[in-house]
Amino acid sequence: MRQAVAQDGDAAEAAGGSARWGLAGLALAMLLSSLGISIANVGLPALALAFDVPFREVQWVVLAYLLSITALIVGVGRLGDIVGRRRLLLAGIALFTAASAAASAAPGLWVLVAARAVQGLGAAAMMALATAFVGDTVPKARIGRAMGLMGTTSAIGTALGPSLGGGLITAFGWPAIFLVTVPPGVAAFLLVRRHLPADQVEAGDRRNSFDSPGLLILALTLGAYALAMTGGRGGFGWIDMVLLLAAAAGTGLFLVVEARTASPLLRIEMFRDRALRGRLLMSLLVATVLMATLVVGPFHLARALGLETSMVGVAMSAGPLVSALTGVPAGRFVDRFGAPRMTILGLSATTAGCVLLALLPATLSVAGYVGPLVAVTAGYALFQAANNTAVMAEVEKDPRGVVSGLLNLSRNLGLITGASVMGAVFTLGVGAEVADAAPDAVAAGTRATFTVAAGLVAVALVLAVGMMRRR
């Protein structure tokens, strides 16, 4: 009897250790996917010089990656539900790693752009399926901690990119910023392959037809919207308007196709769930606001406060650093106090930070900007852990991949929308060309931007309170 109990204990301990290593593989996949964005941004000047191309062309190194993720993340989530999440996650990590190696050896700009698009496809699988796998890897009572870890590693990837990329370019040249992700990509592949449970896909599930027409329409629709929001420089032109109209038409066509498909990419009845709709909308709104700190921050710090470029970078790193430090504790709070309460607390902190930034006097020093920024990013980390936990803990196992894809898509669309909309609000608030504006005008633009941001987070807060009351 004692021997049997001991054997059971050893098996449980081994299973727990394997789950921890599997979770480490998922966290590493999330880190790499976010690092793929931030590390390429810092390399754009070096790439423009190396390939002798203007900025409007070299920016496609970043846009190709973002567009690929945005357009395909829901599709790969659904495909993971059909063919097996572990299988597709391994394929995504392998694709990301191989594309990283190909990008480092690219002989020309457009080969590099193509490699980045393929890398984005791998990153889409990593983002969607790593989040979906959390529910299969850890007990329900500890999902909050795991989601906090996912948020922490994502923030670390974002924060690490500029400094790591800059150092690698200085020491080894631009290929190093892509080659550096190959060894951790191999490590993530081995951890996932060795320590995550094999897929348990029923034979009938394998026969489910994948909604290829729906995926194509959705990918083109999301790609058109993302391109309209990110492709224009210096204003919103007729091409951007055409792209937005195409995205609107694509949305309508997608809904018609999905209603008539036997095995749709997205089941329309999912959106009858008021809680899911609300949490996706909150994710989009808060991500839009978070992007305001990245769009406005450099201009406010440099133009309104007169900081040198190096000090701007140091001040801007406060946001990702706070997110990285608060992610795991936020997850523990969610497990202890519940997702609804922590959602409200996180949104309250974010709203308070935005209000302080909206009331920011131009005479305040760097601390007057960084202090409210810490409140915004800490609140965001708590909100994200709580919101993701609530969604993934309540969703059934079968559609977990596609719901995870929707959750990540809402965040990406918020970031993309925020880059365009919040940038436009800032420009209107400044009332002149930002590069030539006086410090007081830039400070006025900052206040206008965060006034709008506070209103958006307040809408999310009202939604969260309403959902908690209904519960």
Protein backbone atom coordinates (compact mmCIF):
# COMPACT_ATOMS: atom_id res chain seq x y z
CA MET A 1 0.00 0.00 0.00
CA ARG A 2 2.73 2.44 0.99
CA GLN A 3 4.63 1.51 -2.16
CA ALA A 4 1.57 2.28 -4.30
CA VAL A 5 1.06 5.65 -2.59
CA ALA A 6 4.73 6.47 -3.08
CA GLN A 7 4.50 5.55 -6.74
CA ASP A 8 1.42 7.74 -7.15
CA GLY A 9 3.23 10.62 -5.46
CA ASP A 10 6.26 10.19 -7.70
CA ALA A 11 4.02 10.15 -10.77
CA ALA A 12 2.22 13.30 -9.66
CA GLU A 13 5.53 15.03 -8.96
CA ALA A 14 6.85 13.99 -12.38
CA ALA A 15 3.66 15.21 -14.06
CA GLY A 16 3.91 18.53 -12.22
CA GLY A 17 7.55 18.94 -13.26
CA SER A 18 6.68 18.14 -16.86
CA ALA A 19 3.84 20.69 -16.77
CA ARG A 20 6.22 23.36 -15.46
CA TRP A 21 8.70 22.69 -18.26
CA GLY A 22 5.84 22.68 -20.77
CA LEU A 23 4.66 26.04 -19.42
CA ALA A 24 8.23 27.32 -19.78
CA GLY A 25 8.11 26.32 -23.45
CA LEU A 26 4.82 28.20 -23.91
CA ALA A 27 6.22 31.29 -22.18
CA LEU A 28 9.33 31.18 -24.38
CA ALA A 29 7.11 31.01 -27.47
CA MET A 30 5.22 34.12 -26.29
CA LEU A 31 8.50 35.96 -25.61
CA LEU A 32 9.83 35.22 -29.09
CA SER A 33 6.65 36.34 -30.85
CA SER A 34 6.71 39.74 -29.08
CA LEU A 35 10.49 40.07 -29.49
CA GLY A 36 9.96 39.61 -33.23
CA ILE A 37 8.18 42.97 -33.33
CA SER A 38 10.30 45.15 -31.07
CA ILE A 39 13.73 43.93 -32.17
CA ALA A 40 13.00 44.68 -35.84
CA ASN A 41 11.87 48.26 -35.16
CA VAL A 42 15.28 49.29 -33.89
CA GLY A 43 16.95 47.76 -36.96
CA LEU A 44 15.06 49.80 -39.58
CA PRO A 45 17.74 52.52 -39.97
CA ALA A 46 20.47 49.91 -40.40
CA LEU A 47 18.37 47.96 -42.92
CA ALA A 48 17.60 51.11 -44.92
CA LEU A 49 21.33 51.80 -45.13
CA ALA A 50 22.29 48.20 -45.92
CA PHE A 51 19.76 47.81 -48.76
CA ASP A 52 19.88 51.49 -49.85
CA VAL A 53 16.08 51.94 -49.74
CA PRO A 54 13.83 54.70 -48.35
CA PHE A 55 11.90 54.35 -45.09
CA ARG A 56 8.54 53.81 -46.81
CA GLU A 57 9.97 50.56 -48.21
CA VAL A 58 12.02 49.33 -45.26
CA GLN A 59 9.04 49.75 -42.90
CA TRP A 60 7.56 46.66 -44.59
CA VAL A 61 10.01 44.59 -42.55
CA VAL A 62 7.80 45.42 -39.55
CA LEU A 63 4.46 45.69 -41.36
CA ALA A 64 4.76 42.26 -43.02
CA TYR A 65 5.14 40.61 -39.62
CA LEU A 66 2.24 42.53 -38.05
CA LEU A 67 -0.08 42.02 -41.01
CA SER A 68 0.63 38.29 -41.12
CA ILE A 69 -0.14 37.87 -37.42
CA THR A 70 -3.29 39.99 -37.55
CA ALA A 71 -4.71 38.35 -40.67
CA LEU A 72 -4.03 34.73 -39.71
CA ILE A 73 -4.19 34.41 -35.92
CA VAL A 74 -7.87 33.39 -35.78
CA GLY A 75 -7.42 30.92 -38.64
CA VAL A 76 -4.50 29.12 -37.04
CA GLY A 77 -6.39 29.01 -33.74
CA ARG A 78 -9.29 27.26 -35.44
CA LEU A 79 -6.97 24.93 -37.34
CA GLY A 80 -5.36 23.97 -34.04
CA ASP A 81 -8.79 22.99 -32.70
CA ILE A 82 -9.24 20.67 -35.70
CA VAL A 83 -5.83 19.04 -36.26
CA GLY A 84 -4.45 19.32 -32.72
CA ARG A 85 -3.01 22.29 -30.86
CA ARG A 86 0.30 20.70 -29.91
CA ARG A 87 0.97 19.59 -33.47
CA LEU A 88 0.25 23.03 -34.93
CA LEU A 89 2.14 24.84 -32.16
CA LEU A 90 5.23 22.78 -32.95
CA ALA A 91 4.80 23.60 -36.63
CA GLY A 92 4.47 27.30 -35.79
CA ILE A 93 7.64 27.33 -33.66
CA ALA A 94 9.55 25.47 -36.38
CA LEU A 95 8.28 27.88 -39.04
CA PHE A 96 9.18 30.92 -36.94
CA THR A 97 12.68 29.57 -36.27
CA ALA A 98 13.36 28.63 -39.91
CA ALA A 99 12.06 31.99 -41.13
CA SER A 100 14.30 33.77 -38.60
CA ALA A 101 17.33 31.99 -40.04
CA ALA A 102 16.18 32.81 -43.58
CA ALA A 103 15.70 36.49 -42.66
CA SER A 104 19.25 36.71 -41.32
CA ALA A 105 20.58 35.46 -44.68
CA ALA A 106 18.27 37.54 -46.91
CA PRO A 107 20.19 38.93 -49.94
CA GLY A 108 17.67 41.71 -50.58
CA LEU A 109 14.91 43.71 -48.92
CA TRP A 110 11.92 41.92 -50.46
CA VAL A 111 13.34 38.49 -49.64
CA LEU A 112 13.64 39.73 -46.06
CA VAL A 113 10.05 41.01 -46.15
CA ALA A 114 8.82 37.62 -47.41
CA ALA A 115 10.75 35.84 -44.64
CA ARG A 116 9.19 38.20 -42.09
CA ALA A 117 5.69 37.41 -43.40
CA VAL A 118 6.38 33.68 -42.93
CA GLN A 119 7.84 34.43 -39.50
CA GLY A 120 4.58 36.24 -38.67
CA LEU A 121 2.58 33.13 -39.60
CA GLY A 122 4.66 31.13 -37.15
CA ALA A 123 4.22 33.84 -34.51
CA ALA A 124 0.43 33.78 -35.04
CA ALA A 125 0.39 30.06 -34.22
CA MET A 126 2.63 30.64 -31.20
CA MET A 127 0.45 33.44 -29.80
CA ALA A 128 -2.91 31.77 -30.35
CA LEU A 129 -2.00 28.23 -29.34
CA ALA A 130 0.30 29.04 -26.42
CA THR A 131 -2.57 30.91 -24.76
CA ALA A 132 -5.04 28.13 -25.63
CA PHE A 133 -2.70 25.47 -24.23
CA VAL A 134 -2.61 27.10 -20.78
CA GLY A 135 -6.02 25.61 -20.00
CA ASP A 136 -4.73 22.15 -20.90
CA THR A 137 -1.50 22.49 -18.92
CA VAL A 138 -2.38 23.96 -15.51
CA PRO A 139 -5.30 23.41 -13.09
CA LYS A 140 -8.17 25.85 -13.41
CA ALA A 141 -7.40 27.36 -10.00
CA ARG A 142 -3.94 28.43 -11.25
CA ILE A 143 -4.81 29.73 -14.71
CA GLY A 144 -4.41 33.32 -13.49
CA ARG A 145 -0.75 32.75 -12.56
CA ALA A 146 -0.08 31.11 -15.92
CA MET A 147 -1.75 33.98 -17.78
CA GLY A 148 0.29 36.42 -15.72
CA LEU A 149 3.43 34.57 -16.79
CA MET A 150 2.36 34.81 -20.44
CA GLY A 151 1.87 38.55 -20.04
CA THR A 152 5.21 38.92 -18.29
CA THR A 153 7.18 37.14 -20.99
CA SER A 154 5.39 39.11 -23.70
CA ALA A 155 6.31 42.36 -21.94
CA ILE A 156 9.91 41.20 -21.49
CA GLY A 157 10.12 40.50 -25.23
CA THR A 158 8.80 43.99 -25.99
CA ALA A 159 11.16 45.66 -23.50
CA LEU A 160 14.20 43.60 -24.47
CA GLY A 161 13.94 44.22 -28.22
CA PRO A 162 15.34 47.77 -28.55
CA SER A 163 18.34 47.35 -26.25
CA LEU A 164 19.20 43.83 -27.44
CA GLY A 165 18.73 44.76 -31.09
CA GLY A 166 20.82 47.89 -30.80
CA GLY A 167 23.68 46.00 -29.15
CA LEU A 168 23.60 43.18 -31.71
CA ILE A 169 23.60 45.56 -34.68
CA THR A 170 26.54 47.49 -33.24
CA ALA A 171 28.55 44.32 -32.58
CA PHE A 172 27.59 41.98 -35.43
CA GLY A 173 25.43 43.82 -37.99
CA TRP A 174 21.71 43.63 -38.84
CA PRO A 175 21.52 39.83 -39.55
CA ALA A 176 22.14 39.19 -35.85
CA ILE A 177 18.75 40.64 -34.81
CA PHE A 178 17.03 37.77 -36.64
CA LEU A 179 19.60 35.05 -36.02
CA VAL A 180 19.44 35.60 -32.24
CA THR A 181 15.93 34.11 -32.09
CA VAL A 182 17.00 30.79 -33.63
CA PRO A 183 18.55 29.09 -30.52
CA PRO A 184 15.62 29.98 -28.20
CA GLY A 185 13.25 28.88 -30.97
CA VAL A 186 14.92 25.46 -30.99
CA ALA A 187 14.70 25.36 -27.18
CA ALA A 188 10.98 26.22 -27.24
CA PHE A 189 10.36 23.48 -29.82
CA LEU A 190 12.13 20.86 -27.70
CA LEU A 191 10.35 21.90 -24.49
CA VAL A 192 6.91 21.79 -26.11
CA ARG A 193 7.61 18.49 -27.86
CA ARG A 194 8.94 16.82 -24.73
CA HIS A 195 6.68 18.18 -21.99
CA LEU A 196 3.25 19.04 -23.40
CA PRO A 197 0.62 16.30 -23.68
CA ALA A 198 -0.05 14.77 -27.06
CA ASP A 199 -3.15 15.86 -28.95
CA GLN A 200 -6.32 13.90 -28.26
CA VAL A 201 -8.20 14.54 -31.50
CA GLU A 202 -11.14 12.29 -32.28
CA ALA A 203 -11.36 10.69 -35.70
CA GLY A 204 -14.55 12.63 -36.39
CA ASP A 205 -12.76 15.87 -35.53
CA ARG A 206 -10.11 15.12 -38.12
CA ARG A 207 -12.80 14.83 -40.78
CA ASN A 208 -14.11 18.30 -40.01
CA SER A 209 -13.56 20.42 -43.08
CA PHE A 210 -11.51 23.53 -42.53
CA ASP A 211 -13.30 26.68 -43.63
CA SER A 212 -10.77 27.81 -46.25
CA PRO A 213 -13.08 30.37 -47.93
CA GLY A 214 -13.86 31.90 -44.54
CA LEU A 215 -10.17 32.09 -43.65
CA LEU A 216 -9.33 33.75 -46.98
CA ILE A 217 -12.08 36.35 -46.61
CA LEU A 218 -11.21 37.05 -42.96
CA ALA A 219 -7.47 37.31 -43.72
CA LEU A 220 -8.06 39.76 -46.58
CA THR A 221 -10.51 41.77 -44.47
CA LEU A 222 -8.19 42.05 -41.48
CA GLY A 223 -5.22 42.71 -43.74
CA ALA A 224 -7.07 45.57 -45.47
CA TYR A 225 -8.01 47.13 -42.13
CA ALA A 226 -4.52 46.76 -40.68
CA LEU A 227 -2.92 48.19 -43.81
CA ALA A 228 -5.30 51.18 -43.77
CA MET A 229 -4.35 51.87 -40.16
CA THR A 230 -0.58 51.40 -40.53
CA GLY A 231 0.36 51.93 -44.16
CA GLY A 232 -0.33 55.64 -44.52
CA ARG A 233 2.20 58.27 -43.53
CA GLY A 234 1.51 61.96 -43.27
CA GLY A 235 -2.29 61.73 -43.40
CA PHE A 236 -5.29 59.60 -44.25
CA GLY A 237 -5.58 59.38 -48.05
CA TRP A 238 -7.99 57.94 -50.56
CA ILE A 239 -6.13 54.61 -50.62
CA ASP A 240 -6.70 54.24 -46.88
CA MET A 241 -10.40 55.00 -47.37
CA VAL A 242 -10.68 52.36 -50.10
CA LEU A 243 -9.01 49.83 -47.81
CA LEU A 244 -11.44 50.62 -44.99
CA LEU A 245 -14.41 50.24 -47.34
CA ALA A 246 -12.98 46.93 -48.53
CA ALA A 247 -12.63 45.81 -44.89
CA ALA A 248 -16.27 46.76 -44.20
CA ALA A 249 -17.47 44.86 -47.28
CA GLY A 250 -15.29 41.90 -46.34
CA THR A 251 -16.83 41.82 -42.86
CA GLY A 252 -20.32 41.57 -44.32
CA LEU A 253 -19.28 38.90 -46.81
CA PHE A 254 -17.57 36.92 -44.05
CA LEU A 255 -20.71 36.90 -41.91
CA VAL A 256 -22.80 35.67 -44.87
CA VAL A 257 -20.33 32.89 -45.69
CA GLU A 258 -20.03 31.76 -42.07
CA ALA A 259 -23.82 31.57 -41.69
CA ARG A 260 -24.00 29.16 -44.63
CA THR A 261 -20.96 26.98 -43.89
CA ALA A 262 -21.35 23.60 -42.20
CA SER A 263 -18.03 23.89 -40.36
CA PRO A 264 -17.44 27.65 -40.03
CA LEU A 265 -14.19 29.28 -39.01
CA LEU A 266 -16.13 31.30 -36.42
CA ARG A 267 -19.49 30.17 -35.13
CA ILE A 268 -21.67 33.27 -35.11
CA GLU A 269 -23.53 32.01 -32.04
CA MET A 270 -20.30 32.47 -30.04
CA PHE A 271 -20.90 36.21 -30.19
CA ARG A 272 -24.29 35.81 -28.55
CA ASP A 273 -22.31 35.29 -25.35
CA ARG A 274 -22.50 38.78 -23.85
CA ALA A 275 -19.53 38.15 -21.55
CA LEU A 276 -17.24 37.07 -24.41
CA ARG A 277 -18.30 40.05 -26.52
CA GLY A 278 -17.67 42.40 -23.63
CA ARG A 279 -14.25 41.01 -22.80
CA LEU A 280 -13.09 41.14 -26.44
CA LEU A 281 -14.26 44.75 -26.68
CA MET A 282 -12.53 45.67 -23.42
CA SER A 283 -9.30 44.09 -24.70
CA LEU A 284 -9.49 46.16 -27.89
CA LEU A 285 -10.19 49.42 -26.02
CA VAL A 286 -7.41 48.99 -23.47
CA ALA A 287 -4.86 47.98 -26.12
CA THR A 288 -5.81 51.12 -28.07
CA VAL A 289 -5.06 53.18 -24.98
CA LEU A 290 -1.79 51.37 -24.29
CA MET A 291 -0.58 52.27 -27.78
CA ALA A 292 -1.12 55.96 -26.91
CA THR A 293 1.77 55.73 -24.43
CA LEU A 294 4.06 54.42 -27.18
CA VAL A 295 2.91 56.95 -29.80
CA VAL A 296 2.89 60.07 -27.64
CA GLY A 297 5.62 59.27 -25.12
CA PRO A 298 8.72 59.86 -27.28
CA PHE A 299 7.44 63.23 -28.54
CA HIS A 300 6.38 64.46 -25.10
CA LEU A 301 9.64 63.43 -23.47
CA ALA A 302 11.83 64.85 -26.24
CA ARG A 303 9.89 67.97 -27.31
CA ALA A 304 7.92 69.02 -24.22
CA LEU A 305 10.48 67.99 -21.59
CA GLY A 306 13.65 68.42 -23.67
CA LEU A 307 15.26 65.04 -22.92
CA GLU A 308 18.16 63.65 -24.90
CA THR A 309 17.48 60.59 -27.05
CA SER A 310 19.21 58.22 -24.62
CA MET A 311 17.12 59.46 -21.70
CA VAL A 312 13.93 59.18 -23.77
CA GLY A 313 14.72 55.49 -24.21
CA VAL A 314 15.30 55.04 -20.49
CA ALA A 315 12.03 56.77 -19.58
CA MET A 316 10.09 54.82 -22.22
CA SER A 317 11.40 51.52 -20.85
CA ALA A 318 9.52 52.14 -17.59
CA GLY A 319 6.25 50.91 -19.11
CA PRO A 320 7.42 47.50 -20.39
CA LEU A 321 9.53 47.05 -17.24
CA VAL A 322 6.50 47.57 -14.97
CA SER A 323 4.45 45.16 -17.09
CA ALA A 324 7.19 42.55 -16.83
CA LEU A 325 7.47 42.91 -13.05
CA THR A 326 3.75 42.93 -12.31
CA GLY A 327 2.56 40.16 -14.67
CA VAL A 328 3.07 37.15 -12.38
CA PRO A 329 1.91 38.90 -9.15
CA ALA A 330 -1.16 40.09 -11.08
CA GLY A 331 -1.91 36.49 -12.00
CA ARG A 332 -1.68 35.46 -8.35
CA PHE A 333 -4.12 38.22 -7.38
CA VAL A 334 -6.53 36.97 -10.05
CA ASP A 335 -6.39 33.42 -8.69
CA ARG A 336 -6.94 34.66 -5.14
CA PHE A 337 -9.55 37.40 -5.55
CA GLY A 338 -11.24 36.43 -8.80
CA ALA A 339 -11.07 37.74 -12.37
CA PRO A 340 -14.09 40.13 -12.21
CA ARG A 341 -12.75 42.13 -9.26
CA MET A 342 -9.22 42.29 -10.66
CA THR A 343 -10.55 43.36 -14.05
CA ILE A 344 -12.25 46.34 -12.41
CA LEU A 345 -9.19 47.15 -10.29
CA GLY A 346 -6.88 47.03 -13.31
CA LEU A 347 -9.16 49.24 -15.39
CA SER A 348 -9.52 51.69 -12.49
CA ALA A 349 -5.73 52.04 -12.21
CA THR A 350 -5.42 52.53 -15.97
CA THR A 351 -8.16 55.16 -15.96
CA ALA A 352 -6.54 57.01 -13.06
CA GLY A 353 -3.19 57.04 -14.87
CA CYS A 354 -4.77 58.40 -18.05
CA VAL A 355 -6.60 61.12 -16.11
CA LEU A 356 -3.34 62.19 -14.45
CA LEU A 357 -1.63 62.35 -17.84
CA ALA A 358 -4.56 64.35 -19.24
CA LEU A 359 -4.15 66.88 -16.40
CA LEU A 360 -0.37 66.92 -16.77
CA PRO A 361 1.07 70.45 -16.49
CA ALA A 362 3.89 71.21 -18.92
CA THR A 363 6.05 72.36 -16.01
CA LEU A 364 6.28 68.93 -14.39
CA SER A 365 9.51 66.98 -14.78
CA VAL A 366 10.04 63.44 -16.11
CA ALA A 367 8.67 61.99 -12.86
CA GLY A 368 5.37 63.74 -13.57
CA TYR A 369 5.04 61.69 -16.76
CA VAL A 370 6.60 58.38 -15.66
CA GLY A 371 4.54 58.17 -12.44
CA PRO A 372 1.13 58.08 -14.20
CA LEU A 373 2.66 55.86 -16.91
CA VAL A 374 3.49 53.29 -14.23
CA ALA A 375 -0.16 53.35 -13.09
CA VAL A 376 -1.35 52.83 -16.69
CA THR A 377 0.96 49.90 -17.40
CA ALA A 378 0.51 48.21 -14.01
CA GLY A 379 -3.24 48.48 -14.43
CA TYR A 380 -2.97 47.06 -17.93
CA ALA A 381 -0.95 44.08 -16.69
CA LEU A 382 -3.57 43.32 -14.03
CA PHE A 383 -6.43 43.78 -16.51
CA GLN A 384 -4.83 41.55 -19.11
CA ALA A 385 -4.18 38.72 -16.63
CA ALA A 386 -7.75 38.93 -15.30
CA ASN A 387 -9.43 39.30 -18.69
CA ASN A 388 -7.48 36.47 -20.34
CA THR A 389 -8.09 34.21 -17.33
CA ALA A 390 -11.83 34.88 -17.39
CA VAL A 391 -12.07 34.09 -21.10
CA MET A 392 -9.91 30.96 -21.16
CA ALA A 393 -11.23 29.51 -17.89
CA GLU A 394 -14.84 29.70 -19.01
CA VAL A 395 -14.50 28.54 -22.62
CA GLU A 396 -15.01 24.87 -23.46
CA LYS A 397 -12.01 22.85 -24.62
CA ASP A 398 -13.13 22.32 -28.21
CA PRO A 399 -13.14 25.96 -29.43
CA ARG A 400 -10.31 27.08 -27.14
CA GLY A 401 -7.90 27.69 -30.02
CA VAL A 402 -10.23 29.95 -31.98
CA VAL A 403 -11.26 31.89 -28.83
CA SER A 404 -7.59 32.38 -27.97
CA GLY A 405 -7.08 33.64 -31.50
CA LEU A 406 -9.95 36.11 -31.07
CA LEU A 407 -8.50 37.31 -27.77
CA ASN A 408 -5.10 37.96 -29.33
CA LEU A 409 -6.73 39.49 -32.40
CA SER A 410 -8.69 42.00 -30.29
CA ARG A 411 -5.43 43.09 -28.67
CA ASN A 412 -3.60 43.38 -32.00
CA LEU A 413 -6.44 45.34 -33.59
CA GLY A 414 -6.41 47.66 -30.58
CA LEU A 415 -2.69 48.29 -30.95
CA ILE A 416 -3.02 48.89 -34.70
CA THR A 417 -6.04 51.18 -34.24
CA GLY A 418 -4.33 53.03 -31.42
CA ALA A 419 -1.25 53.73 -33.54
CA SER A 420 -3.41 55.49 -36.12
CA VAL A 421 -6.25 57.03 -34.09
CA MET A 422 -4.22 58.15 -31.09
CA GLY A 423 -1.55 59.52 -33.42
CA ALA A 424 -4.23 61.56 -35.21
CA VAL A 425 -5.64 62.87 -31.90
CA PHE A 426 -2.14 63.87 -30.80
CA THR A 427 -1.48 65.71 -34.07
CA LEU A 428 -4.79 67.58 -33.79
CA GLY A 429 -4.01 68.47 -30.18
CA VAL A 430 -0.61 69.86 -31.11
CA GLY A 431 -2.19 71.97 -33.88
CA ALA A 432 1.01 72.11 -35.94
CA GLU A 433 3.76 69.93 -37.36
CA VAL A 434 4.99 67.98 -34.34
CA ALA A 435 8.67 68.21 -35.29
CA ASP A 436 8.48 72.03 -35.33
CA ALA A 437 5.95 72.54 -32.51
CA ALA A 438 6.73 74.46 -29.34
CA PRO A 439 6.98 72.52 -26.05
CA ASP A 440 3.66 73.92 -24.81
CA ALA A 441 1.91 72.76 -28.01
CA VAL A 442 3.32 69.23 -27.65
CA ALA A 443 2.19 69.15 -24.00
CA ALA A 444 -1.29 70.22 -25.14
CA GLY A 445 -1.32 67.34 -27.64
CA THR A 446 -0.37 64.94 -24.86
CA ARG A 447 -3.24 66.16 -22.68
CA ALA A 448 -5.72 65.86 -25.55
CA THR A 449 -4.60 62.32 -26.35
CA PHE A 450 -4.92 61.06 -22.80
CA THR A 451 -8.27 62.78 -22.34
CA VAL A 452 -9.57 60.59 -25.17
CA ALA A 453 -7.69 57.60 -23.71
CA ALA A 454 -9.31 58.10 -20.30
CA GLY A 455 -12.72 58.12 -21.96
CA LEU A 456 -12.02 54.84 -23.77
CA VAL A 457 -10.87 53.08 -20.59
CA ALA A 458 -13.89 54.48 -18.76
CA VAL A 459 -16.11 52.75 -21.33
CA ALA A 460 -14.28 49.48 -20.65
CA LEU A 461 -14.69 50.04 -16.90
CA VAL A 462 -18.45 50.54 -17.28
CA LEU A 463 -18.62 47.29 -19.27
CA ALA A 464 -16.68 45.43 -16.56
CA VAL A 465 -18.90 46.73 -13.76
CA GLY A 466 -22.03 45.78 -15.70
CA MET A 467 -20.72 42.26 -16.31
CA MET A 468 -19.89 41.82 -12.61
CA ARG A 469 -23.38 42.94 -11.58
CA ARG A 470 -24.98 40.47 -14.00
CA ARG A 471 -22.90 37.69 -12.51
